[in-house]
N, C-alpha and C. Protein backbone atom coordinates (compact mmCIF):
# COMPACT_ATOMS: atom_id res chain seq x y z
N MET A 1 0.84 -1.18 0.00
CA MET A 1 0.00 0.00 0.00
C MET A 1 0.88 1.24 0.00
N ALA A 2 0.49 2.25 -0.74
CA ALA A 2 1.30 3.46 -0.87
C ALA A 2 0.57 4.66 -0.27
N PHE A 3 1.34 5.58 0.25
CA PHE A 3 0.83 6.86 0.72
C PHE A 3 1.20 7.88 -0.35
N SER A 4 0.21 8.43 -1.04
CA SER A 4 0.49 9.40 -2.08
C SER A 4 -0.27 10.69 -1.79
N PHE A 5 0.38 11.82 -2.07
CA PHE A 5 -0.24 13.10 -1.77
C PHE A 5 0.39 14.21 -2.61
N LYS A 6 -0.28 15.35 -2.59
CA LYS A 6 0.15 16.52 -3.35
C LYS A 6 0.39 17.67 -2.38
N ILE A 7 1.55 18.31 -2.51
CA ILE A 7 1.89 19.48 -1.71
C ILE A 7 1.85 20.69 -2.63
N GLU A 8 0.95 21.61 -2.38
CA GLU A 8 0.84 22.79 -3.22
C GLU A 8 1.65 23.92 -2.60
N SER A 9 2.95 23.86 -2.83
CA SER A 9 3.87 24.84 -2.28
C SER A 9 5.20 24.72 -2.99
N GLU A 10 5.95 25.80 -2.96
CA GLU A 10 7.32 25.77 -3.47
C GLU A 10 8.19 24.99 -2.49
N VAL A 11 9.12 24.22 -3.01
CA VAL A 11 10.09 23.51 -2.17
C VAL A 11 11.43 24.19 -2.36
N THR A 12 11.94 24.77 -1.27
CA THR A 12 13.22 25.45 -1.31
C THR A 12 14.31 24.48 -0.87
N ALA A 13 15.33 24.33 -1.67
CA ALA A 13 16.44 23.44 -1.32
C ALA A 13 17.25 24.07 -0.20
N LYS A 14 17.35 23.36 0.92
CA LYS A 14 18.13 23.92 2.02
C LYS A 14 19.62 23.62 1.86
N LYS A 15 19.90 22.69 0.97
CA LYS A 15 21.29 22.39 0.65
C LYS A 15 21.93 23.67 0.08
N ASN A 16 23.10 23.96 0.48
CA ASN A 16 23.84 25.16 0.05
C ASN A 16 23.20 26.46 0.52
N ARG A 17 22.34 26.42 1.53
CA ARG A 17 21.69 27.64 2.04
C ARG A 17 22.24 28.05 3.40
N LEU A 18 23.33 27.44 3.82
CA LEU A 18 23.97 27.81 5.07
C LEU A 18 24.74 29.10 4.85
N ARG A 19 24.46 30.10 5.64
CA ARG A 19 25.12 31.39 5.53
C ARG A 19 26.17 31.51 6.62
N VAL A 20 27.37 31.92 6.25
CA VAL A 20 28.47 32.06 7.21
C VAL A 20 28.82 33.53 7.32
N THR A 21 28.84 34.03 8.55
CA THR A 21 29.23 35.41 8.82
C THR A 21 30.34 35.39 9.86
N ARG A 22 30.85 36.54 10.18
CA ARG A 22 31.91 36.57 11.20
C ARG A 22 31.37 36.20 12.58
N ASN A 23 30.04 36.24 12.73
CA ASN A 23 29.41 35.88 14.01
C ASN A 23 29.00 34.41 14.06
N GLY A 24 29.26 33.67 13.00
CA GLY A 24 28.92 32.25 12.98
C GLY A 24 28.12 31.88 11.75
N ALA A 25 27.62 30.67 11.74
CA ALA A 25 26.86 30.16 10.59
C ALA A 25 25.39 30.05 10.97
N PHE A 26 24.52 30.26 9.98
CA PHE A 26 23.09 30.12 10.21
C PHE A 26 22.40 29.74 8.90
N THR A 27 21.23 29.12 9.04
CA THR A 27 20.44 28.77 7.87
C THR A 27 19.56 29.96 7.51
N ASP A 28 19.44 30.23 6.24
CA ASP A 28 18.59 31.31 5.74
C ASP A 28 17.19 31.14 6.35
N PRO A 29 16.67 32.16 7.03
CA PRO A 29 15.36 32.05 7.68
C PRO A 29 14.22 31.69 6.72
N ARG A 30 14.33 32.10 5.47
CA ARG A 30 13.28 31.76 4.49
C ARG A 30 13.25 30.25 4.25
N VAL A 31 14.42 29.62 4.25
CA VAL A 31 14.49 28.18 4.06
C VAL A 31 13.89 27.46 5.26
N LYS A 32 14.21 27.93 6.44
CA LYS A 32 13.68 27.32 7.66
C LYS A 32 12.15 27.42 7.69
N LYS A 33 11.61 28.59 7.33
CA LYS A 33 10.16 28.78 7.30
C LYS A 33 9.52 27.87 6.25
N ASN A 34 10.14 27.76 5.06
CA ASN A 34 9.60 26.90 4.01
C ASN A 34 9.56 25.45 4.49
N THR A 35 10.60 25.00 5.17
CA THR A 35 10.65 23.62 5.68
C THR A 35 9.54 23.40 6.70
N GLU A 36 9.34 24.36 7.60
CA GLU A 36 8.28 24.24 8.60
C GLU A 36 6.90 24.21 7.94
N ASP A 37 6.70 25.06 6.93
CA ASP A 37 5.42 25.09 6.21
C ASP A 37 5.17 23.76 5.49
N LEU A 38 6.22 23.22 4.87
CA LEU A 38 6.09 21.93 4.18
C LEU A 38 5.71 20.82 5.16
N MET A 39 6.33 20.85 6.35
CA MET A 39 6.03 19.83 7.34
C MET A 39 4.56 19.91 7.77
N LYS A 40 4.04 21.11 7.94
CA LYS A 40 2.62 21.28 8.30
C LYS A 40 1.72 20.73 7.20
N LEU A 41 2.08 20.97 5.95
CA LEU A 41 1.29 20.46 4.83
C LEU A 41 1.30 18.94 4.77
N VAL A 42 2.47 18.34 5.03
CA VAL A 42 2.58 16.87 5.02
C VAL A 42 1.75 16.28 6.17
N ILE A 43 1.84 16.88 7.34
CA ILE A 43 1.06 16.39 8.49
C ILE A 43 -0.43 16.52 8.20
N SER A 44 -0.83 17.59 7.54
CA SER A 44 -2.22 17.77 7.15
C SER A 44 -2.68 16.63 6.22
N GLU A 45 -1.81 16.25 5.29
CA GLU A 45 -2.13 15.13 4.39
C GLU A 45 -2.20 13.81 5.15
N GLN A 46 -1.33 13.64 6.14
CA GLN A 46 -1.35 12.42 6.96
C GLN A 46 -2.68 12.28 7.68
N ASN A 47 -3.19 13.40 8.16
CA ASN A 47 -4.43 13.38 8.93
C ASN A 47 -5.65 13.03 8.09
N LYS A 48 -5.51 13.08 6.77
CA LYS A 48 -6.62 12.76 5.87
C LYS A 48 -6.69 11.27 5.53
N THR A 49 -5.75 10.48 6.03
CA THR A 49 -5.67 9.07 5.65
C THR A 49 -5.69 8.16 6.87
N THR A 50 -5.98 6.90 6.64
CA THR A 50 -5.94 5.90 7.71
C THR A 50 -4.64 5.11 7.68
N PHE A 51 -3.73 5.52 6.81
CA PHE A 51 -2.43 4.87 6.67
C PHE A 51 -1.69 4.93 8.01
N LEU A 52 -1.00 3.88 8.38
CA LEU A 52 -0.26 3.84 9.64
C LEU A 52 1.15 4.39 9.45
N PHE A 53 1.52 5.34 10.27
CA PHE A 53 2.84 5.97 10.20
C PHE A 53 3.60 5.74 11.48
N PRO A 54 4.90 5.78 11.45
CA PRO A 54 5.77 5.91 10.28
C PRO A 54 5.88 4.59 9.52
N ILE A 55 6.24 4.71 8.25
CA ILE A 55 6.48 3.53 7.43
C ILE A 55 7.86 3.02 7.82
N GLU A 56 7.92 1.80 8.32
CA GLU A 56 9.18 1.26 8.83
C GLU A 56 9.87 0.39 7.79
N GLY A 57 11.18 0.26 7.95
CA GLY A 57 11.97 -0.58 7.06
C GLY A 57 12.27 0.10 5.74
N ALA A 58 12.60 -0.71 4.76
CA ALA A 58 12.98 -0.20 3.44
C ALA A 58 11.78 0.46 2.77
N VAL A 59 12.00 1.65 2.23
CA VAL A 59 10.93 2.38 1.53
C VAL A 59 11.42 2.88 0.19
N LYS A 60 10.45 3.02 -0.72
CA LYS A 60 10.76 3.66 -1.99
C LYS A 60 9.92 4.93 -2.08
N VAL A 61 10.56 5.98 -2.60
CA VAL A 61 9.93 7.30 -2.65
C VAL A 61 10.00 7.83 -4.08
N THR A 62 8.87 8.33 -4.55
CA THR A 62 8.80 8.99 -5.85
C THR A 62 8.40 10.43 -5.60
N MET A 63 9.14 11.37 -6.19
CA MET A 63 8.84 12.79 -6.06
C MET A 63 8.82 13.41 -7.45
N LYS A 64 7.75 14.13 -7.74
CA LYS A 64 7.65 14.87 -9.00
C LYS A 64 7.44 16.33 -8.64
N PHE A 65 8.48 17.13 -8.89
CA PHE A 65 8.43 18.55 -8.58
C PHE A 65 7.96 19.33 -9.81
N TYR A 66 6.97 20.15 -9.63
CA TYR A 66 6.48 21.04 -10.69
C TYR A 66 6.81 22.46 -10.26
N VAL A 67 7.63 23.13 -11.06
CA VAL A 67 8.16 24.44 -10.66
C VAL A 67 7.70 25.55 -11.60
N LYS A 68 7.41 26.67 -11.00
CA LYS A 68 6.92 27.83 -11.73
C LYS A 68 8.06 28.75 -12.15
N LYS A 69 9.05 28.88 -11.29
CA LYS A 69 10.17 29.77 -11.58
C LYS A 69 11.04 29.21 -12.70
N ARG A 70 12.02 30.00 -13.05
CA ARG A 70 12.93 29.53 -14.10
C ARG A 70 13.38 28.11 -13.81
N TYR A 71 13.20 27.27 -14.78
CA TYR A 71 13.42 25.84 -14.64
C TYR A 71 14.82 25.49 -14.14
N THR A 72 15.84 26.17 -14.63
CA THR A 72 17.21 25.81 -14.29
C THR A 72 17.63 26.30 -12.91
N VAL A 73 16.87 27.21 -12.31
CA VAL A 73 17.23 27.75 -11.01
C VAL A 73 17.06 26.72 -9.91
N LYS A 74 16.09 25.85 -10.06
CA LYS A 74 15.76 24.87 -9.02
C LYS A 74 16.73 23.69 -9.05
N ASP A 75 17.29 23.37 -7.90
CA ASP A 75 18.24 22.27 -7.72
C ASP A 75 17.45 21.04 -7.30
N VAL A 76 17.25 20.09 -8.22
CA VAL A 76 16.37 18.96 -7.97
C VAL A 76 16.87 18.06 -6.84
N ASP A 77 18.16 17.84 -6.73
CA ASP A 77 18.64 16.98 -5.63
C ASP A 77 18.51 17.69 -4.29
N GLY A 78 18.64 19.01 -4.30
CA GLY A 78 18.44 19.79 -3.07
C GLY A 78 16.99 19.76 -2.62
N MET A 79 16.06 19.86 -3.59
CA MET A 79 14.64 19.79 -3.26
C MET A 79 14.29 18.40 -2.72
N ALA A 80 14.87 17.36 -3.31
CA ALA A 80 14.62 15.99 -2.84
C ALA A 80 15.14 15.81 -1.41
N THR A 81 16.32 16.36 -1.13
CA THR A 81 16.89 16.28 0.21
C THR A 81 15.98 16.97 1.22
N THR A 82 15.48 18.16 0.85
CA THR A 82 14.58 18.89 1.74
C THR A 82 13.33 18.05 2.02
N MET A 83 12.73 17.48 0.97
CA MET A 83 11.50 16.71 1.16
C MET A 83 11.74 15.43 1.96
N LEU A 84 12.89 14.79 1.78
CA LEU A 84 13.19 13.60 2.58
C LEU A 84 13.30 13.97 4.06
N ASP A 85 13.94 15.11 4.34
CA ASP A 85 14.03 15.58 5.73
C ASP A 85 12.65 15.89 6.30
N VAL A 86 11.80 16.50 5.49
CA VAL A 86 10.43 16.81 5.91
C VAL A 86 9.66 15.52 6.18
N LEU A 87 9.77 14.53 5.31
CA LEU A 87 9.08 13.26 5.51
C LEU A 87 9.53 12.58 6.81
N GLN A 88 10.81 12.72 7.13
CA GLN A 88 11.32 12.13 8.36
C GLN A 88 10.81 12.91 9.58
N LYS A 89 10.88 14.24 9.55
CA LYS A 89 10.43 15.05 10.68
C LYS A 89 8.92 14.92 10.91
N ALA A 90 8.15 14.74 9.84
CA ALA A 90 6.71 14.57 9.95
C ALA A 90 6.34 13.12 10.30
N GLU A 91 7.34 12.27 10.45
CA GLU A 91 7.19 10.86 10.81
C GLU A 91 6.38 10.06 9.80
N VAL A 92 6.57 10.39 8.52
CA VAL A 92 6.03 9.55 7.46
C VAL A 92 6.94 8.34 7.30
N ILE A 93 8.25 8.58 7.38
CA ILE A 93 9.25 7.50 7.36
C ILE A 93 10.06 7.59 8.65
N VAL A 94 10.63 6.48 9.05
CA VAL A 94 11.42 6.45 10.28
C VAL A 94 12.70 7.27 10.12
N ASP A 95 13.39 7.02 9.01
CA ASP A 95 14.67 7.69 8.76
C ASP A 95 14.94 7.62 7.26
N ASP A 96 15.49 8.70 6.71
CA ASP A 96 15.73 8.68 5.27
C ASP A 96 16.85 7.74 4.87
N LYS A 97 17.56 7.19 5.84
CA LYS A 97 18.59 6.20 5.51
C LYS A 97 17.97 4.88 5.05
N TYR A 98 16.66 4.69 5.30
CA TYR A 98 15.97 3.48 4.88
C TYR A 98 15.37 3.59 3.49
N VAL A 99 15.59 4.70 2.81
CA VAL A 99 15.10 4.85 1.44
C VAL A 99 16.03 4.03 0.53
N THR A 100 15.46 2.99 -0.07
CA THR A 100 16.26 2.12 -0.94
C THR A 100 16.10 2.46 -2.41
N LYS A 101 14.99 3.11 -2.74
CA LYS A 101 14.75 3.55 -4.12
C LYS A 101 14.21 4.97 -4.07
N LEU A 102 14.80 5.84 -4.88
CA LEU A 102 14.37 7.23 -4.94
C LEU A 102 14.26 7.65 -6.39
N HIS A 103 13.06 8.03 -6.80
CA HIS A 103 12.83 8.48 -8.16
C HIS A 103 12.40 9.95 -8.08
N VAL A 104 13.14 10.82 -8.77
CA VAL A 104 12.87 12.26 -8.70
C VAL A 104 12.77 12.83 -10.11
N GLU A 105 11.76 13.67 -10.32
CA GLU A 105 11.57 14.35 -11.60
C GLU A 105 11.31 15.83 -11.34
N LYS A 106 11.64 16.66 -12.33
CA LYS A 106 11.36 18.09 -12.25
C LYS A 106 10.72 18.51 -13.57
N HIS A 107 9.61 19.26 -13.46
CA HIS A 107 8.88 19.69 -14.65
C HIS A 107 8.50 21.17 -14.51
N ARG A 108 8.34 21.83 -15.63
CA ARG A 108 7.80 23.20 -15.63
C ARG A 108 6.30 23.13 -15.43
N ALA A 109 5.75 24.18 -14.76
CA ALA A 109 4.31 24.24 -14.54
C ALA A 109 3.87 25.68 -14.33
N ASP A 110 2.56 25.87 -14.29
CA ASP A 110 2.01 27.20 -14.05
C ASP A 110 2.01 27.56 -12.57
N SER A 111 2.17 26.56 -11.70
CA SER A 111 2.23 26.80 -10.26
C SER A 111 3.18 25.77 -9.63
N ASP A 112 3.64 26.08 -8.42
CA ASP A 112 4.55 25.18 -7.70
C ASP A 112 3.75 24.13 -6.93
N TYR A 113 4.06 22.86 -7.18
CA TYR A 113 3.49 21.79 -6.39
C TYR A 113 4.36 20.55 -6.55
N THR A 114 4.15 19.60 -5.65
CA THR A 114 4.94 18.37 -5.66
C THR A 114 4.02 17.18 -5.43
N LEU A 115 4.20 16.15 -6.23
CA LEU A 115 3.49 14.89 -6.04
C LEU A 115 4.46 13.90 -5.41
N ILE A 116 4.03 13.27 -4.33
CA ILE A 116 4.91 12.35 -3.60
C ILE A 116 4.19 11.03 -3.36
N VAL A 117 4.93 9.94 -3.58
CA VAL A 117 4.43 8.59 -3.26
C VAL A 117 5.49 7.91 -2.39
N VAL A 118 5.05 7.40 -1.25
CA VAL A 118 5.94 6.68 -0.33
C VAL A 118 5.33 5.31 -0.09
N GLU A 119 6.15 4.27 -0.25
CA GLU A 119 5.65 2.92 -0.01
C GLU A 119 6.78 2.01 0.45
N ARG A 120 6.38 0.93 1.11
CA ARG A 120 7.38 -0.06 1.54
C ARG A 120 8.02 -0.67 0.31
N ASP A 121 9.31 -0.94 0.41
CA ASP A 121 10.03 -1.59 -0.68
C ASP A 121 10.25 -3.05 -0.29
N GLU A 122 9.36 -3.89 -0.76
CA GLU A 122 9.44 -5.31 -0.41
C GLU A 122 10.70 -5.96 -0.96
N GLU A 123 11.18 -5.50 -2.11
CA GLU A 123 12.43 -6.04 -2.67
C GLU A 123 13.64 -5.65 -1.83
N GLY A 124 13.60 -4.49 -1.23
CA GLY A 124 14.74 -4.00 -0.45
C GLY A 124 14.65 -4.27 1.03
N ARG A 125 13.62 -5.05 1.45
CA ARG A 125 13.40 -5.26 2.88
C ARG A 125 14.55 -5.95 3.59
N ASP A 126 15.31 -6.77 2.86
CA ASP A 126 16.43 -7.49 3.48
C ASP A 126 17.70 -6.65 3.57
N THR A 127 17.70 -5.49 2.95
CA THR A 127 18.88 -4.63 2.92
C THR A 127 19.37 -4.30 4.32
N PHE A 128 18.45 -4.09 5.27
CA PHE A 128 18.82 -3.66 6.61
C PHE A 128 18.78 -4.76 7.65
N ASN A 129 18.56 -5.99 7.21
CA ASN A 129 18.51 -7.12 8.14
C ASN A 129 19.83 -7.89 8.20
N LYS A 130 20.85 -7.39 7.47
CA LYS A 130 22.12 -8.13 7.43
C LYS A 130 23.08 -7.61 8.45
């Protein structure tokens, strides 16, 4: 069984968003807010389903990012990293280290949204039992 949902929001890649000043390092506040907003949206989607969370063991994740801004500006692996962190913090998955298959796509669109499917990976279930 798969948990699939749509997030109608821009996904900001937090990768490479660490700012270093003479007073220390910090994450861009816009990135932190975007991550918090994404987590609220994911939790909202969780509350609409009877699916049992977190999904334990090996999981496969499919992400399709639809972006409104200039297509080349968006860093697809950074967006995937952000969403995997959000899925973990929202307790959809136990830990992103258990993701055995990851399929990511990026497309142009009239608005920003992301389609996500998370499911147990029965083929990869033995990966973590050794």
